[in-house]
Amino acid sequence: MNTFLKVLILAVLALVVIKLAPLLMIPALIAFLALLVAGVALAGGLTLLLIVTLAVLAALSPLWLPVLALIGFIALIRRASRKTA
């Protein structure tokens, strides 16, 4: 097959693709909308998870704040008692 026929076939295929572009965009649009809905649902779920996590941390703060302060105090005492070489 010579070059002229190859170019002619590519031109005809390009015209067919241009004519079918609206039909080809419908599945792409449906996929985009599905991904958009999934992204919104995922963002909502992550936001809900963050709110629940912050609420649990706030509810348990009377427990973990003194423990954290005690761990910090112990680390401060251990660091002060070290001898430098």
Protein backbone atom coordinates (compact mmCIF):
# COMPACT_ATOMS: atom_id res chain seq x y z
CA MET A 1 0.00 0.00 0.00
CA ASN A 2 1.51 3.31 -0.95
CA THR A 3 1.68 6.47 1.13
CA PHE A 4 -1.19 8.23 -0.63
CA LEU A 5 -3.64 5.48 0.33
CA LYS A 6 -2.42 5.50 3.92
CA VAL A 7 -2.95 9.26 4.18
CA LEU A 8 -6.36 8.94 2.51
CA ILE A 9 -7.43 6.21 4.94
CA LEU A 10 -6.25 8.29 7.91
CA ALA A 11 -8.19 11.32 6.60
CA VAL A 12 -11.35 9.23 6.20
CA LEU A 13 -10.91 7.80 9.72
CA ALA A 14 -10.42 11.31 11.10
CA LEU A 15 -13.65 12.44 9.47
CA VAL A 16 -15.52 9.43 10.88
CA VAL A 17 -14.15 10.14 14.37
CA ILE A 18 -15.15 13.81 14.09
CA LYS A 19 -18.67 12.83 13.02
CA LEU A 20 -18.96 10.27 15.85
CA ALA A 21 -17.43 12.52 18.53
CA PRO A 22 -20.79 13.46 20.14
CA LEU A 23 -21.66 9.77 20.46
CA LEU A 24 -18.26 9.02 21.90
CA MET A 25 -18.58 11.82 24.45
CA ILE A 26 -21.74 10.37 26.02
CA PRO A 27 -19.94 7.45 27.76
CA ALA A 28 -17.14 9.81 28.78
CA LEU A 29 -19.67 12.23 30.29
CA ILE A 30 -21.42 9.39 32.14
CA ALA A 31 -18.08 8.17 33.52
CA PHE A 32 -17.15 11.72 34.56
CA LEU A 33 -20.45 12.20 36.39
CA ALA A 34 -20.08 8.84 38.15
CA LEU A 35 -16.57 9.75 39.29
CA LEU A 36 -17.79 13.17 40.41
CA VAL A 37 -20.56 11.62 42.53
CA ALA A 38 -18.09 9.11 44.00
CA GLY A 39 -15.65 11.93 44.80
CA VAL A 40 -18.33 13.97 46.54
CA ALA A 41 -19.41 10.92 48.55
CA LEU A 42 -15.80 10.17 49.47
CA ALA A 43 -15.18 13.75 50.54
CA GLY A 44 -18.32 13.67 52.66
CA GLY A 45 -17.26 10.40 54.25
CA LEU A 46 -13.79 11.72 55.03
CA THR A 47 -15.28 14.87 56.52
CA LEU A 48 -17.58 12.78 58.71
CA LEU A 49 -14.63 10.62 59.79
CA LEU A 50 -12.62 13.73 60.70
CA ILE A 51 -15.50 15.16 62.74
CA VAL A 52 -16.02 11.86 64.60
CA THR A 53 -12.27 11.59 65.28
CA LEU A 54 -12.11 15.12 66.65
CA ALA A 55 -15.19 14.49 68.81
CA VAL A 56 -13.65 11.30 70.25
CA LEU A 57 -10.37 13.10 70.94
CA ALA A 58 -12.22 15.94 72.64
CA ALA A 59 -14.28 13.50 74.71
CA LEU A 60 -11.19 11.56 75.81
CA SER A 61 -9.03 14.63 76.48
CA PRO A 62 -9.42 14.31 80.27
CA LEU A 63 -7.62 10.97 79.92
CA TRP A 64 -4.89 11.58 77.34
CA LEU A 65 -3.86 15.12 78.30
CA PRO A 66 -2.57 14.16 81.79
CA VAL A 67 -0.90 11.05 80.35
CA LEU A 68 0.81 13.19 77.71
CA ALA A 69 1.90 15.69 80.36
CA LEU A 70 3.31 12.87 82.50
CA ILE A 71 5.25 11.41 79.56
CA GLY A 72 6.65 14.87 78.79
CA PHE A 73 7.64 15.41 82.41
CA ILE A 74 9.41 12.02 82.55
CA ALA A 75 11.27 12.80 79.32
CA LEU A 76 12.32 16.18 80.74
CA ILE A 77 13.66 14.57 83.92
CA ARG A 78 15.52 11.86 81.99
CA ARG A 79 17.12 14.42 79.70
CA ALA A 80 18.22 16.62 82.62
CA SER A 81 19.81 13.66 84.44
CA ARG A 82 22.03 12.61 81.50
CA LYS A 83 25.72 13.30 81.76
CA THR A 84 27.43 14.77 78.76
CA ALA A 85 30.55 13.02 77.51
